Protein backbone atom coordinates (compact mmCIF):
# COMPACT_ATOMS: atom_id res chain seq x y z
CA UNK A 1 26.09 -28.02 63.26
CA UNK A 2 29.74 -29.01 62.80
CA UNK A 3 29.64 -28.80 58.99
CA UNK A 4 28.13 -25.32 59.23
CA UNK A 5 30.70 -24.25 61.79
CA UNK A 6 33.66 -25.75 59.92
CA UNK A 7 32.75 -23.96 56.69
CA UNK A 8 31.64 -20.56 57.96
CA UNK A 9 33.72 -20.12 61.12
CA UNK A 10 36.91 -19.82 59.07
CA UNK A 11 35.30 -17.22 56.82
CA UNK A 12 34.26 -15.17 59.85
CA UNK A 13 37.71 -15.39 61.44
CA UNK A 14 39.31 -14.11 58.23
CA UNK A 15 37.32 -10.88 58.56
CA UNK A 16 36.75 -10.41 62.30
CA UNK A 17 39.76 -8.15 62.98
CA UNK A 18 39.73 -6.41 59.61
CA UNK A 19 37.32 -3.60 60.46
CA UNK A 20 38.68 -2.47 63.82
CA UNK A 21 40.69 0.46 62.58
CA UNK A 22 41.42 3.21 65.07
CA UNK A 23 44.35 5.44 65.90
CA UNK A 24 43.46 5.11 69.58
CA UNK A 25 45.62 2.38 71.06
CA UNK A 26 43.21 1.32 73.81
CA UNK A 27 40.44 0.62 71.31
CA UNK A 28 42.62 -1.79 69.36
CA UNK A 29 44.02 -3.37 72.50
CA UNK A 30 40.69 -3.94 74.27
CA UNK A 31 38.77 -4.81 71.11
CA UNK A 32 41.35 -7.39 70.11
CA UNK A 33 41.57 -8.70 73.68
CA UNK A 34 37.92 -9.68 73.85
CA UNK A 35 37.67 -10.84 70.23
CA UNK A 36 40.74 -13.05 70.72
CA UNK A 37 39.09 -14.69 73.73
CA UNK A 38 37.15 -16.79 71.27
CA UNK A 39 33.50 -17.72 71.27
CA UNK A 40 31.53 -19.78 68.80
CA UNK A 41 30.80 -16.83 66.45
CA UNK A 42 27.21 -18.07 66.20
CA UNK A 43 25.87 -14.65 65.27
CA UNK A 44 27.97 -13.97 62.15
CA UNK A 45 27.63 -17.64 61.18
CA UNK A 46 23.85 -17.18 61.19
CA UNK A 47 24.17 -14.14 58.93
CA UNK A 48 26.16 -16.08 56.34
CA UNK A 49 24.06 -19.25 56.63
CA UNK A 50 20.77 -17.52 55.82
CA UNK A 51 22.21 -15.88 52.71
CA UNK A 52 23.73 -19.16 51.58
CA UNK A 53 20.46 -20.98 52.24
CA UNK A 54 18.86 -18.57 49.75
CA UNK A 55 21.68 -19.35 47.29
CA UNK A 56 23.22 -15.89 47.32
CA UNK A 57 26.65 -16.29 45.76
CA UNK A 58 28.31 -12.87 46.03
CA UNK A 59 28.91 -12.40 49.77
CA UNK A 60 31.67 -9.78 49.47
CA UNK A 61 29.60 -7.05 51.15
CA UNK A 62 27.98 -9.45 53.62
CA UNK A 63 31.18 -10.24 55.51
CA UNK A 64 31.50 -6.74 57.02
CA UNK A 65 27.82 -6.88 58.03
CA UNK A 66 28.28 -10.27 59.69
CA UNK A 67 31.35 -8.96 61.50
CA UNK A 68 29.47 -5.79 62.51
CA UNK A 69 26.85 -7.89 64.29
CA UNK A 70 29.62 -9.70 66.18
CA UNK A 71 30.98 -6.27 67.15
CA UNK A 72 27.56 -5.38 68.58
CA UNK A 73 27.65 -8.59 70.60
CA UNK A 74 31.19 -7.77 71.74
CA UNK A 75 30.18 -4.24 72.77
CA UNK A 76 27.33 -5.64 74.86
CA UNK A 77 29.75 -8.01 76.63
CA UNK A 78 32.12 -5.14 77.43
CA UNK A 79 29.28 -3.09 78.90
CA UNK A 80 27.76 -6.09 80.72
CA UNK A 81 31.01 -6.90 82.49
CA UNK A 82 31.31 -3.34 83.77
CA UNK A 83 27.69 -3.25 84.96
CA UNK A 84 28.02 -6.69 86.58
CA UNK A 85 31.48 -5.93 88.01
CA UNK A 86 32.59 -9.20 86.42
CA UNK A 87 36.07 -10.60 87.02
CA UNK A 88 36.03 -13.27 84.30
CA UNK A 89 34.86 -13.64 80.73
CA UNK A 90 35.30 -16.94 78.85
CA UNK A 91 37.64 -18.28 81.49
CA UNK A 92 40.09 -15.38 81.63
CA UNK A 93 40.14 -11.93 83.29
CA UNK A 94 37.42 -9.65 81.90
CA UNK A 95 38.43 -6.54 79.94
CA UNK A 96 37.27 -4.22 82.71
CA UNK A 97 39.43 -6.11 85.18
CA UNK A 98 42.49 -5.77 82.93
CA UNK A 99 41.99 -2.28 81.45
CA UNK A 100 39.60 -0.54 83.86
CA UNK A 101 35.95 0.45 83.61
CA UNK A 102 36.31 3.78 81.79
CA UNK A 103 38.27 2.53 78.80
CA UNK A 104 36.18 -0.65 78.60
CA UNK A 105 32.89 1.26 78.43
CA UNK A 106 34.23 3.67 75.82
CA UNK A 107 35.61 0.82 73.72
CA UNK A 108 32.16 -0.74 73.84
CA UNK A 109 30.71 2.56 72.60
CA UNK A 110 33.23 2.52 69.75
CA UNK A 111 32.28 -1.05 68.80
CA UNK A 112 28.59 -0.10 68.62
CA UNK A 113 29.34 2.98 66.53
CA UNK A 114 31.72 1.08 64.26
CA UNK A 115 29.09 -1.60 63.65
CA UNK A 116 26.48 0.96 62.60
CA UNK A 117 29.09 2.70 60.43
CA UNK A 118 29.72 -0.59 58.60
CA UNK A 119 25.98 -0.96 58.03
CA UNK A 120 25.82 2.55 56.60
CA UNK A 121 28.44 1.55 54.00
CA UNK A 122 27.56 -2.06 53.17
CA UNK A 123 23.92 -2.37 54.23
CA UNK A 124 20.64 -0.73 53.27
CA UNK A 125 18.06 1.33 55.14
CA UNK A 126 15.94 -1.73 55.97
CA UNK A 127 18.91 -3.45 57.63
CA UNK A 128 19.94 -0.26 59.43
CA UNK A 129 16.43 0.18 60.86
CA UNK A 130 16.35 -3.42 62.05
CA UNK A 131 19.79 -3.34 63.65
CA UNK A 132 19.29 0.10 65.24
CA UNK A 133 16.04 -1.13 66.78
CA UNK A 134 17.89 -4.19 68.07
CA UNK A 135 20.56 -2.09 69.80
CA UNK A 136 17.80 -0.01 71.39
CA UNK A 137 16.03 -3.14 72.66
CA UNK A 138 19.30 -4.54 74.00
CA UNK A 139 19.73 -1.42 76.14
CA UNK A 140 16.11 -1.64 77.31
CA UNK A 141 16.58 -5.29 78.27
CA UNK A 142 19.68 -4.52 80.31
CA UNK A 143 17.98 -1.64 82.10
CA UNK A 144 14.93 -3.77 82.91
CA UNK A 145 17.21 -6.48 84.27
CA UNK A 146 18.92 -3.95 86.54
CA UNK A 147 15.54 -2.72 87.76
CA UNK A 148 14.46 -6.28 88.61
CA UNK A 149 17.56 -7.28 90.59
CA UNK A 150 16.47 -8.68 93.94
CA UNK A 151 12.80 -8.77 92.89
CA UNK A 152 11.40 -12.23 93.55
CA UNK A 153 8.03 -11.06 92.21
CA UNK A 154 9.32 -10.59 88.65
CA UNK A 155 6.73 -11.89 86.17
CA UNK A 156 7.38 -14.36 83.39
CA UNK A 157 6.47 -11.64 80.87
CA UNK A 158 9.09 -9.31 82.36
CA UNK A 159 11.66 -12.09 82.43
CA UNK A 160 11.21 -12.91 78.74
CA UNK A 161 11.33 -9.20 77.90
CA UNK A 162 14.76 -9.15 79.53
CA UNK A 163 15.83 -12.27 77.61
CA UNK A 164 14.72 -10.75 74.32
CA UNK A 165 16.87 -7.71 74.95
CA UNK A 166 19.86 -9.53 76.43
CA UNK A 167 20.20 -12.16 73.73
CA UNK A 168 17.32 -12.94 71.41
CA UNK A 169 16.86 -9.75 69.37
CA UNK A 170 20.47 -9.83 68.21
CA UNK A 171 20.08 -13.44 67.05
CA UNK A 172 16.94 -12.28 65.24
CA UNK A 173 18.79 -9.43 63.53
CA UNK A 174 21.58 -11.73 62.38
CA UNK A 175 19.08 -13.98 60.60
CA UNK A 176 17.16 -10.98 59.26
CA UNK A 177 20.25 -9.31 57.80
CA UNK A 178 21.47 -12.52 56.16
CA UNK A 179 18.06 -12.97 54.55
CA UNK A 180 17.65 -9.31 53.57
CA UNK A 181 21.02 -9.45 51.80
CA UNK A 182 19.70 -12.25 49.59
CA UNK A 183 16.04 -11.30 49.04
CA UNK A 184 13.44 -8.55 49.37
CA UNK A 185 10.77 -11.09 50.38
CA UNK A 186 9.32 -9.65 53.59
CA UNK A 187 7.74 -12.93 54.68
CA UNK A 188 11.11 -14.67 54.52
CA UNK A 189 12.79 -11.84 56.41
CA UNK A 190 10.18 -12.10 59.16
CA UNK A 191 10.49 -15.89 59.33
CA UNK A 192 14.27 -15.55 59.59
CA UNK A 193 13.92 -13.00 62.39
CA UNK A 194 11.48 -15.24 64.26
CA UNK A 195 13.82 -18.22 63.93
CA UNK A 196 16.65 -16.15 65.40
CA UNK A 197 14.47 -14.73 68.17
CA UNK A 198 13.35 -18.18 69.26
CA UNK A 199 16.77 -19.82 69.23
CA UNK A 200 18.08 -16.74 71.05
CA UNK A 201 15.51 -17.20 73.82
CA UNK A 202 16.33 -20.91 73.99
CA UNK A 203 20.06 -20.10 74.07
CA UNK A 204 19.61 -17.81 77.07
CA UNK A 205 17.36 -20.31 78.86
CA UNK A 206 20.08 -22.94 78.53
CA UNK A 207 22.64 -20.40 79.76
CA UNK A 208 20.42 -19.89 82.81
CA UNK A 209 20.16 -23.65 83.26
CA UNK A 210 23.93 -24.15 83.00
CA UNK A 211 24.41 -21.45 85.62
CA UNK A 212 22.87 -23.97 88.04
CA UNK A 213 24.37 -27.19 86.68
CA UNK A 214 27.82 -26.60 85.16
CA UNK A 215 31.07 -26.11 87.05
CA UNK A 216 33.14 -22.93 87.11
CA UNK A 217 35.80 -24.30 84.76
CA UNK A 218 33.23 -25.10 82.09
CA UNK A 219 31.29 -21.86 82.57
CA UNK A 220 34.32 -19.60 82.65
CA UNK A 221 32.70 -17.71 85.53
CA UNK A 222 31.45 -18.51 89.05
CA UNK A 223 28.60 -21.03 89.35
CA UNK A 224 25.19 -19.47 90.11
CA UNK A 225 26.64 -16.09 89.20
CA UNK A 226 23.22 -14.62 88.38
CA UNK A 227 21.80 -15.78 91.71
CA UNK A 228 24.75 -14.23 93.55
CA UNK A 229 23.99 -10.96 91.74
CA UNK A 230 20.34 -11.06 92.82
CA UNK A 231 18.96 -12.00 89.39
CA UNK A 232 15.96 -14.30 89.13
CA UNK A 233 16.32 -16.58 86.11
CA UNK A 234 13.96 -19.19 84.70
CA UNK A 235 15.04 -22.25 86.74
CA UNK A 236 14.03 -20.33 89.88
CA UNK A 237 11.20 -18.29 88.36
CA UNK A 238 9.48 -21.44 87.08
CA UNK A 239 9.08 -22.88 90.59
CA UNK A 240 8.33 -19.71 92.58
CA UNK A 241 4.63 -20.56 92.89
CA UNK A 242 5.48 -24.04 94.19
CA UNK A 243 7.48 -22.75 97.15
CA UNK A 244 6.37 -22.73 100.76
CA UNK A 245 6.37 -19.40 102.58
CA UNK A 246 9.53 -20.45 104.42
CA UNK A 247 11.31 -21.37 101.20
CA UNK A 248 10.26 -18.14 99.51
CA UNK A 249 11.41 -16.05 102.48
CA UNK A 250 14.76 -17.86 102.46
CA UNK A 251 15.26 -17.23 98.74
CA UNK A 252 14.32 -13.56 99.19
CA UNK A 253 17.05 -13.29 101.80
CA UNK A 254 19.63 -14.94 99.55
CA UNK A 255 18.95 -12.85 96.44
CA UNK A 256 18.96 -9.62 98.44
CA UNK A 257 22.20 -10.49 100.20
CA UNK A 258 25.08 -8.63 98.56
CA UNK A 259 27.42 -11.54 99.26
CA UNK A 260 25.41 -14.73 99.86
CA UNK A 261 27.33 -17.60 101.41
CA UNK A 262 28.18 -20.66 99.35
CA UNK A 263 26.04 -22.68 101.76
CA UNK A 264 22.97 -20.53 101.05
CA UNK A 265 23.59 -20.63 97.30
CA UNK A 266 23.85 -24.43 97.41
CA UNK A 267 20.58 -24.57 99.35
CA UNK A 268 18.80 -22.53 96.66
CA UNK A 269 20.28 -24.84 94.00
CA UNK A 270 18.87 -27.84 95.87
CA UNK A 271 15.41 -26.26 96.10
CA UNK A 272 15.41 -25.45 92.37
CA UNK A 273 16.49 -28.99 91.51
CA UNK A 274 14.02 -30.68 93.87
CA UNK A 275 11.08 -28.61 92.62
CA UNK A 276 11.80 -29.42 88.95
CA UNK A 277 13.11 -26.01 87.88
CA UNK A 278 15.85 -27.50 85.72
CA UNK A 279 13.46 -29.78 83.83
CA UNK A 280 10.98 -26.95 83.31
CA UNK A 281 13.71 -24.74 81.87
CA UNK A 282 14.93 -27.40 79.47
CA UNK A 283 11.36 -28.17 78.39
CA UNK A 284 10.65 -24.50 77.65
CA UNK A 285 13.87 -24.20 75.65
CA UNK A 286 12.95 -27.28 73.60
CA UNK A 287 9.53 -25.78 72.81
CA UNK A 288 11.20 -22.64 71.49
CA UNK A 289 13.63 -24.66 69.37
CA UNK A 290 10.73 -26.64 67.91
CA UNK A 291 8.97 -23.36 67.02
CA UNK A 292 12.18 -22.04 65.44
CA UNK A 293 12.52 -25.12 63.24
CA UNK A 294 8.95 -24.57 62.02
CA UNK A 295 10.04 -21.18 60.66
CA UNK A 296 12.62 -22.90 58.43
CA UNK A 297 9.83 -24.62 56.50
CA UNK A 298 9.27 -21.32 54.67
CA UNK A 299 12.75 -21.56 53.11
CA UNK A 300 14.16 -23.71 50.29
CA UNK A 301 15.25 -27.10 51.58
CA UNK A 302 18.99 -27.61 51.13
CA UNK A 303 22.05 -28.42 53.20
CA UNK A 304 21.96 -24.99 54.89
CA UNK A 305 18.35 -25.48 55.97
CA UNK A 306 19.40 -28.79 57.48
CA UNK A 307 22.42 -27.19 59.15
CA UNK A 308 20.25 -24.44 60.65
CA UNK A 309 17.87 -27.08 61.99
CA UNK A 310 20.86 -28.88 63.53
CA UNK A 311 22.08 -25.58 64.98
CA UNK A 312 18.70 -25.02 66.66
CA UNK A 313 18.83 -28.51 68.18
CA UNK A 314 22.41 -27.95 69.30
CA UNK A 315 21.25 -24.97 71.37
CA UNK A 316 19.47 -27.27 73.83
CA UNK A 317 22.05 -30.06 73.70
CA UNK A 318 25.18 -28.00 74.34
CA UNK A 319 27.31 -28.40 77.41
CA UNK A 320 30.35 -26.43 78.50
């Protein structure tokens, strides 16, 4: 993981601000504000890694595509923070808190449009179709999540549909685009997409787990933030059927409370921990990572294949 990050992170950072070019001051200010807040740049790193794994040497036109996919991720964060009324992002005030909702939403719109514009110049129709479909699914995932707020009866199928849209499809597209840049082999493109989809699901499961286990300083946002917003995530969903009627009624009350007390939130955390929700979440994430690694067997074995396997394993080992 570290060798992959050390090599490709610098390449991404050299290009990340290059394609935000607008005469509108707020776009530059807000776009740069959130991009400067850091992040691991996993998505553009995946784009570059898959092309390099297939021994593609000329990456000149791939850099703007990798950056474009990070812009899509950035746009989704800007919109998410407005929808969630978030105060913090990566440990500092969120863009909507600093600049207001209106300009933040419109800057997110610009980032989406700019990303697709870059694909129209440097990509091909196959990539554009894949990425456009991903943006559509991201919106669907967010809308489904909003619909299911406060719904303790959410199904596992619905939950994973939300996870696909929130996180996984964009990981899939990053791997797909990196592969499509290097080859026309449809089987390899599909394997790459499946790898990304599975590590994306695992990534979000671990995010949901850390929401229950990490502290606010490490998370960069309040602990149990999803629970406070009425969202059922996998640590809780996985133990719903093991709850007594009294426990279920209590949790219903907490997730439907607009401002649950810290005492009630801590009680839900204790129930989830005691019923094995944390272990079940980690186990499911590990299964997905194992499936993702299987997809890599379709690719040439080299240092990038090994790095991508390490990256998949890192997903379930990370801590903030």
